[in-house]
Amino acid sequence: MKVRHLGGPLIVAAATLLAACGGGDKTASSAAASSSPTVAVEAAASQPAVAPAAEPVAAEPSSGEKVYQGTCVMCHGSPAVGAPVLGNKDDWAPRVAQGKDVLYKHALEGFTGEKGAMPAHGGNPSLDETAIKAAVDYMVSKAQ
């Protein structure tokens, strides 16, 4: 690329920017300041480009977390309905003590207890057994 006319102040500014960025050696900067305008443009073009920092990638939620967010949170996200709240160790301790097989059975088939009722499949019949178990595992992991 050829530039026909660059004023003297523009050449000095380009050379100053190159020197301030630490790009290239001092001979390239001094050549840019004392040579033709084409040299200044070529010197600037030869500087390595700085790649932008990569954006952090958010971890994909687990299948259990997705089921929790889509269905279970309606009852297990607030103490208002009496269901054990996600992350509340006191709510979950007696249930976890029964073992996961009991928790799976209650989640899959439904359950009525002293503190309320658990509808079969969390009230979402489209969830399969694997999804229900993943959600139970997710909620239990947050209570331990």
N, C-alpha and C. Protein backbone atom coordinates (compact mmCIF):
# COMPACT_ATOMS: atom_id res chain seq x y z
N MET A 1 0.85 -1.17 0.00
CA MET A 1 0.00 0.00 0.00
C MET A 1 0.89 1.22 0.00
N LYS A 2 0.67 2.12 -0.93
CA LYS A 2 1.46 3.34 -1.00
C LYS A 2 0.60 4.52 -0.59
N VAL A 3 1.21 5.40 0.18
CA VAL A 3 0.54 6.62 0.60
C VAL A 3 1.29 7.75 -0.07
N ARG A 4 0.57 8.59 -0.73
CA ARG A 4 1.24 9.63 -1.50
C ARG A 4 1.73 10.77 -0.65
N HIS A 5 0.95 11.20 0.35
CA HIS A 5 1.40 12.35 1.11
C HIS A 5 0.93 12.23 2.55
N LEU A 6 1.87 12.22 3.42
CA LEU A 6 1.59 12.31 4.85
C LEU A 6 2.38 13.49 5.36
N GLY A 7 1.74 14.32 6.11
CA GLY A 7 2.44 15.49 6.64
C GLY A 7 3.49 15.09 7.65
N GLY A 8 4.45 15.96 7.87
CA GLY A 8 5.53 15.72 8.82
C GLY A 8 5.03 15.37 10.21
N PRO A 9 4.05 16.08 10.77
CA PRO A 9 3.57 15.76 12.11
C PRO A 9 2.97 14.35 12.20
N LEU A 10 2.35 13.88 11.12
CA LEU A 10 1.76 12.54 11.13
C LEU A 10 2.84 11.47 11.17
N ILE A 11 3.93 11.70 10.47
CA ILE A 11 5.05 10.75 10.49
C ILE A 11 5.65 10.69 11.89
N VAL A 12 5.82 11.83 12.52
CA VAL A 12 6.39 11.88 13.86
C VAL A 12 5.45 11.18 14.84
N ALA A 13 4.14 11.41 14.69
CA ALA A 13 3.16 10.77 15.58
C ALA A 13 3.19 9.24 15.41
N ALA A 14 3.27 8.77 14.18
CA ALA A 14 3.33 7.33 13.93
C ALA A 14 4.59 6.74 14.53
N ALA A 15 5.71 7.39 14.37
CA ALA A 15 6.97 6.90 14.92
C ALA A 15 6.93 6.90 16.44
N THR A 16 6.33 7.93 17.01
CA THR A 16 6.21 8.01 18.47
C THR A 16 5.34 6.87 19.00
N LEU A 17 4.22 6.61 18.32
CA LEU A 17 3.34 5.51 18.74
C LEU A 17 4.05 4.17 18.66
N LEU A 18 4.80 3.97 17.60
CA LEU A 18 5.54 2.72 17.45
C LEU A 18 6.57 2.56 18.56
N ALA A 19 7.26 3.62 18.87
CA ALA A 19 8.28 3.56 19.92
C ALA A 19 7.63 3.35 21.28
N ALA A 20 6.49 4.00 21.53
CA ALA A 20 5.80 3.89 22.81
C ALA A 20 5.24 2.49 23.02
N CYS A 21 4.84 1.83 21.96
CA CYS A 21 4.29 0.48 22.08
C CYS A 21 5.38 -0.55 22.26
N GLY A 22 6.62 -0.14 22.10
CA GLY A 22 7.71 -1.09 22.24
C GLY A 22 7.82 -2.01 21.05
N GLY A 23 7.12 -1.69 19.98
CA GLY A 23 7.14 -2.56 18.81
C GLY A 23 8.36 -2.31 17.98
N GLY A 24 8.99 -3.35 17.51
CA GLY A 24 10.12 -3.25 16.59
C GLY A 24 11.37 -2.76 17.29
N ASP A 25 12.42 -2.64 16.51
CA ASP A 25 13.65 -2.14 17.10
C ASP A 25 13.73 -0.65 16.88
N LYS A 26 14.71 0.01 17.52
CA LYS A 26 14.82 1.46 17.45
C LYS A 26 15.18 1.93 16.06
N THR A 27 15.84 1.09 15.27
CA THR A 27 16.20 1.51 13.92
C THR A 27 14.95 1.64 13.06
N ALA A 28 13.97 0.80 13.27
CA ALA A 28 12.73 0.91 12.51
C ALA A 28 12.01 2.18 12.88
N SER A 29 12.01 2.55 14.17
CA SER A 29 11.34 3.76 14.60
C SER A 29 12.05 4.99 14.08
N SER A 30 13.38 4.98 14.13
CA SER A 30 14.11 6.14 13.65
C SER A 30 14.03 6.22 12.13
N ALA A 31 13.98 5.08 11.45
CA ALA A 31 13.83 5.10 10.00
C ALA A 31 12.47 5.66 9.64
N ALA A 32 11.46 5.31 10.41
CA ALA A 32 10.12 5.82 10.14
C ALA A 32 10.08 7.32 10.34
N ALA A 33 10.80 7.83 11.30
CA ALA A 33 10.78 9.26 11.58
C ALA A 33 11.56 10.04 10.53
N SER A 34 12.60 9.44 9.97
CA SER A 34 13.45 10.20 9.06
C SER A 34 13.24 9.85 7.60
N SER A 35 12.52 8.77 7.29
CA SER A 35 12.35 8.33 5.92
C SER A 35 11.07 8.87 5.32
N SER A 36 10.74 8.29 4.19
CA SER A 36 9.55 8.71 3.48
C SER A 36 8.30 8.27 4.21
N PRO A 37 7.15 8.85 3.88
CA PRO A 37 5.88 8.45 4.50
C PRO A 37 5.57 6.97 4.28
N THR A 38 5.98 6.41 3.15
CA THR A 38 5.70 5.00 2.87
C THR A 38 6.39 4.11 3.90
N VAL A 39 7.60 4.45 4.32
CA VAL A 39 8.33 3.66 5.30
C VAL A 39 7.58 3.66 6.63
N ALA A 40 7.01 4.80 7.02
CA ALA A 40 6.27 4.88 8.29
C ALA A 40 5.06 3.97 8.25
N VAL A 41 4.35 3.95 7.13
CA VAL A 41 3.17 3.10 7.01
C VAL A 41 3.58 1.63 7.00
N GLU A 42 4.64 1.29 6.26
CA GLU A 42 5.11 -0.09 6.21
C GLU A 42 5.60 -0.55 7.58
N ALA A 43 6.27 0.34 8.33
CA ALA A 43 6.75 -0.02 9.66
C ALA A 43 5.57 -0.29 10.58
N ALA A 44 4.53 0.51 10.49
CA ALA A 44 3.35 0.30 11.33
C ALA A 44 2.65 -1.00 10.96
N ALA A 45 2.61 -1.33 9.68
CA ALA A 45 1.94 -2.54 9.22
C ALA A 45 2.71 -3.80 9.62
N SER A 46 4.02 -3.67 9.81
CA SER A 46 4.81 -4.85 10.14
C SER A 46 4.75 -5.21 11.62
N GLN A 47 4.14 -4.37 12.43
CA GLN A 47 4.04 -4.66 13.86
C GLN A 47 3.07 -5.82 14.09
N PRO A 48 3.40 -6.73 14.99
CA PRO A 48 2.51 -7.86 15.24
C PRO A 48 1.20 -7.38 15.86
N ALA A 49 0.12 -7.99 15.44
CA ALA A 49 -1.19 -7.65 15.99
C ALA A 49 -1.32 -8.32 17.36
N VAL A 50 -1.96 -7.64 18.27
CA VAL A 50 -2.20 -8.19 19.59
C VAL A 50 -3.59 -8.80 19.59
N ALA A 51 -3.65 -10.09 19.87
CA ALA A 51 -4.93 -10.79 19.89
C ALA A 51 -5.71 -10.39 21.14
N PRO A 52 -7.02 -10.20 21.01
CA PRO A 52 -7.81 -9.86 22.20
C PRO A 52 -7.84 -11.05 23.17
N ALA A 53 -8.00 -10.73 24.43
CA ALA A 53 -8.07 -11.79 25.44
C ALA A 53 -9.29 -12.67 25.19
N ALA A 54 -9.12 -13.94 25.37
CA ALA A 54 -10.23 -14.88 25.16
C ALA A 54 -11.25 -14.71 26.27
N GLU A 55 -12.52 -14.77 25.91
CA GLU A 55 -13.59 -14.68 26.88
C GLU A 55 -13.67 -16.00 27.64
N PRO A 56 -13.86 -15.93 28.96
CA PRO A 56 -14.02 -17.19 29.69
C PRO A 56 -15.30 -17.89 29.27
N VAL A 57 -15.23 -19.19 29.20
CA VAL A 57 -16.38 -19.98 28.79
C VAL A 57 -17.09 -20.49 30.04
N ALA A 58 -18.36 -20.18 30.14
CA ALA A 58 -19.12 -20.64 31.29
C ALA A 58 -19.34 -22.15 31.19
N ALA A 59 -19.25 -22.78 32.33
CA ALA A 59 -19.49 -24.22 32.36
C ALA A 59 -20.95 -24.51 32.05
N GLU A 60 -21.15 -25.52 31.28
CA GLU A 60 -22.51 -25.95 30.93
C GLU A 60 -23.14 -26.58 32.17
N PRO A 61 -24.37 -26.19 32.53
CA PRO A 61 -25.00 -26.81 33.69
C PRO A 61 -25.22 -28.31 33.47
N SER A 62 -25.17 -29.06 34.56
CA SER A 62 -25.39 -30.50 34.47
C SER A 62 -26.84 -30.76 34.09
N SER A 63 -27.12 -31.97 33.66
CA SER A 63 -28.50 -32.31 33.31
C SER A 63 -29.40 -32.21 34.54
N GLY A 64 -28.87 -32.59 35.72
CA GLY A 64 -29.64 -32.48 36.95
C GLY A 64 -29.98 -31.03 37.28
N GLU A 65 -29.02 -30.15 37.07
CA GLU A 65 -29.26 -28.73 37.32
C GLU A 65 -30.29 -28.17 36.35
N LYS A 66 -30.22 -28.61 35.10
CA LYS A 66 -31.20 -28.14 34.10
C LYS A 66 -32.61 -28.58 34.49
N VAL A 67 -32.76 -29.83 34.93
CA VAL A 67 -34.08 -30.32 35.34
C VAL A 67 -34.55 -29.54 36.56
N TYR A 68 -33.63 -29.33 37.50
CA TYR A 68 -33.99 -28.55 38.70
C TYR A 68 -34.50 -27.18 38.28
N GLN A 69 -33.74 -26.48 37.43
CA GLN A 69 -34.12 -25.13 37.01
C GLN A 69 -35.44 -25.11 36.24
N GLY A 70 -35.70 -26.15 35.48
CA GLY A 70 -36.90 -26.18 34.64
C GLY A 70 -38.15 -26.66 35.34
N THR A 71 -38.00 -27.50 36.37
CA THR A 71 -39.18 -28.09 37.02
C THR A 71 -39.13 -27.97 38.54
N CYS A 72 -38.07 -28.47 39.13
CA CYS A 72 -38.01 -28.64 40.59
C CYS A 72 -37.98 -27.32 41.37
N VAL A 73 -37.41 -26.28 40.75
CA VAL A 73 -37.26 -25.00 41.44
C VAL A 73 -38.61 -24.43 41.88
N MET A 74 -39.68 -24.81 41.19
CA MET A 74 -41.00 -24.27 41.55
C MET A 74 -41.37 -24.62 42.99
N CYS A 75 -40.97 -25.78 43.47
CA CYS A 75 -41.27 -26.17 44.85
C CYS A 75 -40.04 -26.15 45.76
N HIS A 76 -38.88 -26.51 45.20
CA HIS A 76 -37.67 -26.62 46.01
C HIS A 76 -36.84 -25.34 46.02
N GLY A 77 -37.36 -24.29 45.42
CA GLY A 77 -36.65 -23.01 45.40
C GLY A 77 -37.09 -22.05 46.49
N SER A 78 -38.15 -22.39 47.22
CA SER A 78 -38.70 -21.51 48.24
C SER A 78 -39.29 -22.33 49.38
N PRO A 79 -39.11 -21.88 50.62
CA PRO A 79 -39.68 -22.62 51.74
C PRO A 79 -41.21 -22.48 51.84
N ALA A 80 -41.80 -21.67 51.02
CA ALA A 80 -43.24 -21.38 51.12
C ALA A 80 -44.12 -22.61 50.94
N VAL A 81 -43.70 -23.58 50.13
CA VAL A 81 -44.58 -24.73 49.86
C VAL A 81 -44.26 -25.94 50.73
N GLY A 82 -43.24 -25.85 51.57
CA GLY A 82 -42.92 -26.94 52.48
C GLY A 82 -41.94 -27.98 51.96
N ALA A 83 -41.56 -27.89 50.71
CA ALA A 83 -40.58 -28.83 50.15
C ALA A 83 -39.19 -28.47 50.67
N PRO A 84 -38.31 -29.46 50.78
CA PRO A 84 -36.94 -29.13 51.21
C PRO A 84 -36.29 -28.20 50.17
N VAL A 85 -35.73 -27.11 50.65
CA VAL A 85 -35.17 -26.08 49.78
C VAL A 85 -33.75 -26.46 49.36
N LEU A 86 -33.45 -26.23 48.10
CA LEU A 86 -32.11 -26.52 47.57
C LEU A 86 -31.05 -25.85 48.45
N GLY A 87 -30.09 -26.64 48.88
CA GLY A 87 -28.97 -26.11 49.66
C GLY A 87 -29.20 -26.04 51.16
N ASN A 88 -30.43 -26.28 51.63
CA ASN A 88 -30.73 -26.21 53.06
C ASN A 88 -30.45 -27.58 53.68
N LYS A 89 -29.32 -27.67 54.38
CA LYS A 89 -28.89 -28.96 54.94
C LYS A 89 -29.88 -29.50 55.97
N ASP A 90 -30.47 -28.61 56.76
CA ASP A 90 -31.44 -29.06 57.78
C ASP A 90 -32.68 -29.67 57.14
N ASP A 91 -33.15 -29.06 56.05
CA ASP A 91 -34.31 -29.62 55.33
C ASP A 91 -34.01 -30.99 54.74
N TRP A 92 -32.83 -31.14 54.20
CA TRP A 92 -32.49 -32.34 53.45
C TRP A 92 -31.94 -33.49 54.31
N ALA A 93 -31.36 -33.20 55.46
CA ALA A 93 -30.69 -34.23 56.26
C ALA A 93 -31.56 -35.46 56.54
N PRO A 94 -32.81 -35.31 57.04
CA PRO A 94 -33.60 -36.52 57.29
C PRO A 94 -33.95 -37.28 56.00
N ARG A 95 -34.08 -36.57 54.92
CA ARG A 95 -34.41 -37.23 53.64
C ARG A 95 -33.19 -37.97 53.09
N VAL A 96 -32.03 -37.32 53.15
CA VAL A 96 -30.80 -37.94 52.66
C VAL A 96 -30.48 -39.18 53.50
N ALA A 97 -30.80 -39.13 54.79
CA ALA A 97 -30.54 -40.27 55.68
C ALA A 97 -31.32 -41.52 55.25
N GLN A 98 -32.42 -41.33 54.55
CA GLN A 98 -33.22 -42.48 54.07
C GLN A 98 -32.54 -43.20 52.91
N GLY A 99 -31.61 -42.54 52.26
CA GLY A 99 -30.90 -43.13 51.13
C GLY A 99 -31.47 -42.66 49.80
N LYS A 100 -30.63 -42.72 48.80
CA LYS A 100 -31.04 -42.22 47.47
C LYS A 100 -32.14 -43.06 46.85
N ASP A 101 -32.15 -44.35 47.11
CA ASP A 101 -33.20 -45.18 46.52
C ASP A 101 -34.59 -44.71 46.95
N VAL A 102 -34.73 -44.33 48.21
CA VAL A 102 -36.01 -43.81 48.70
C VAL A 102 -36.32 -42.47 48.05
N LEU A 103 -35.32 -41.62 47.95
CA LEU A 103 -35.53 -40.31 47.31
C LEU A 103 -35.93 -40.47 45.84
N TYR A 104 -35.25 -41.38 45.16
CA TYR A 104 -35.62 -41.64 43.76
C TYR A 104 -37.06 -42.12 43.66
N LYS A 105 -37.43 -43.06 44.53
CA LYS A 105 -38.79 -43.62 44.50
C LYS A 105 -39.83 -42.53 44.74
N HIS A 106 -39.59 -41.69 45.74
CA HIS A 106 -40.54 -40.61 46.03
C HIS A 106 -40.64 -39.62 44.87
N ALA A 107 -39.51 -39.33 44.25
CA ALA A 107 -39.52 -38.39 43.13
C ALA A 107 -40.21 -38.99 41.91
N LEU A 108 -40.01 -40.27 41.69
CA LEU A 108 -40.60 -40.93 40.52
C LEU A 108 -42.08 -41.25 40.70
N GLU A 109 -42.43 -41.77 41.88
CA GLU A 109 -43.80 -42.25 42.09
C GLU A 109 -44.68 -41.26 42.84
N GLY A 110 -44.06 -40.28 43.47
CA GLY A 110 -44.81 -39.34 44.29
C GLY A 110 -44.80 -39.78 45.74
N PHE A 111 -45.12 -38.86 46.64
CA PHE A 111 -45.07 -39.16 48.06
C PHE A 111 -45.87 -38.12 48.82
N THR A 112 -46.59 -38.56 49.85
CA THR A 112 -47.27 -37.65 50.75
C THR A 112 -46.74 -37.92 52.15
N GLY A 113 -46.21 -36.87 52.77
CA GLY A 113 -45.62 -37.01 54.10
C GLY A 113 -46.15 -35.97 55.05
N GLU A 114 -45.52 -35.87 56.23
CA GLU A 114 -45.93 -34.92 57.26
C GLU A 114 -45.84 -33.47 56.80
N LYS A 115 -44.85 -33.16 55.99
CA LYS A 115 -44.62 -31.77 55.60
C LYS A 115 -45.19 -31.41 54.23
N GLY A 116 -45.84 -32.33 53.58
CA GLY A 116 -46.40 -32.01 52.27
C GLY A 116 -46.36 -33.19 51.32
N ALA A 117 -46.54 -32.89 50.07
CA ALA A 117 -46.61 -33.93 49.05
C ALA A 117 -45.59 -33.66 47.94
N MET A 118 -45.09 -34.75 47.42
CA MET A 118 -44.19 -34.71 46.27
C MET A 118 -44.94 -35.35 45.12
N PRO A 119 -45.27 -34.58 44.07
CA PRO A 119 -45.97 -35.20 42.93
C PRO A 119 -45.02 -36.10 42.15
N ALA A 120 -45.58 -37.14 41.55
CA ALA A 120 -44.78 -38.03 40.70
C ALA A 120 -44.11 -37.22 39.60
N HIS A 121 -42.87 -37.51 39.36
CA HIS A 121 -42.06 -36.83 38.33
C HIS A 121 -42.01 -35.32 38.54
N GLY A 122 -42.14 -34.91 39.80
CA GLY A 122 -42.08 -33.48 40.10
C GLY A 122 -43.20 -32.71 39.44
N GLY A 123 -44.26 -33.42 39.09
CA GLY A 123 -45.38 -32.77 38.41
C GLY A 123 -45.14 -32.60 36.92
N ASN A 124 -44.06 -33.15 36.41
CA ASN A 124 -43.73 -33.02 34.98
C ASN A 124 -43.61 -34.43 34.39
N PRO A 125 -44.70 -34.96 33.87
CA PRO A 125 -44.68 -36.34 33.37
C PRO A 125 -43.77 -36.56 32.17
N SER A 126 -43.30 -35.50 31.54
CA SER A 126 -42.41 -35.67 30.38
C SER A 126 -40.98 -36.02 30.80
N LEU A 127 -40.66 -35.90 32.09
CA LEU A 127 -39.31 -36.24 32.55
C LEU A 127 -39.16 -37.75 32.69
N ASP A 128 -38.08 -38.27 32.14
CA ASP A 128 -37.85 -39.71 32.28
C ASP A 128 -37.09 -40.01 33.58
N GLU A 129 -36.93 -41.28 33.85
CA GLU A 129 -36.30 -41.71 35.11
C GLU A 129 -34.88 -41.17 35.26
N THR A 130 -34.14 -41.15 34.17
CA THR A 130 -32.76 -40.64 34.22
C THR A 130 -32.74 -39.17 34.62
N ALA A 131 -33.63 -38.39 34.05
CA ALA A 131 -33.68 -36.97 34.36
C ALA A 131 -34.08 -36.73 35.81
N ILE A 132 -35.05 -37.50 36.29
CA ILE A 132 -35.49 -37.37 37.68
C ILE A 132 -34.34 -37.71 38.63
N LYS A 133 -33.65 -38.80 38.37
CA LYS A 133 -32.53 -39.20 39.23
C LYS A 133 -31.40 -38.16 39.20
N ALA A 134 -31.15 -37.59 38.04
CA ALA A 134 -30.11 -36.56 37.92
C ALA A 134 -30.49 -35.34 38.75
N ALA A 135 -31.77 -34.97 38.75
CA ALA A 135 -32.23 -33.83 39.54
C ALA A 135 -32.11 -34.12 41.03
N VAL A 136 -32.48 -35.32 41.45
CA VAL A 136 -32.34 -35.71 42.85
C VAL A 136 -30.87 -35.66 43.25
N ASP A 137 -30.01 -36.22 42.43
CA ASP A 137 -28.57 -36.20 42.71
C ASP A 137 -28.06 -34.77 42.84
N TYR A 138 -28.50 -33.90 41.96
CA TYR A 138 -28.09 -32.50 41.99
C TYR A 138 -28.52 -31.85 43.30
N MET A 139 -29.80 -32.02 43.68
CA MET A 139 -30.30 -31.39 44.90
C MET A 139 -29.61 -31.95 46.15
N VAL A 140 -29.37 -33.25 46.19
CA VAL A 140 -28.68 -33.86 47.33
C VAL A 140 -27.25 -33.32 47.42
N SER A 141 -26.59 -33.17 46.27
CA SER A 141 -25.21 -32.67 46.29
C SER A 141 -25.12 -31.26 46.86
N LYS A 142 -26.15 -30.47 46.70
CA LYS A 142 -26.17 -29.10 47.21
C LYS A 142 -26.48 -29.05 48.70
N ALA A 143 -26.93 -30.16 49.27
CA ALA A 143 -27.30 -30.21 50.68
C ALA A 143 -26.22 -30.86 51.55
N GLN A 144 -25.14 -31.29 50.94
CA GLN A 144 -24.11 -31.99 51.72
C GLN A 144 -22.91 -31.11 51.97
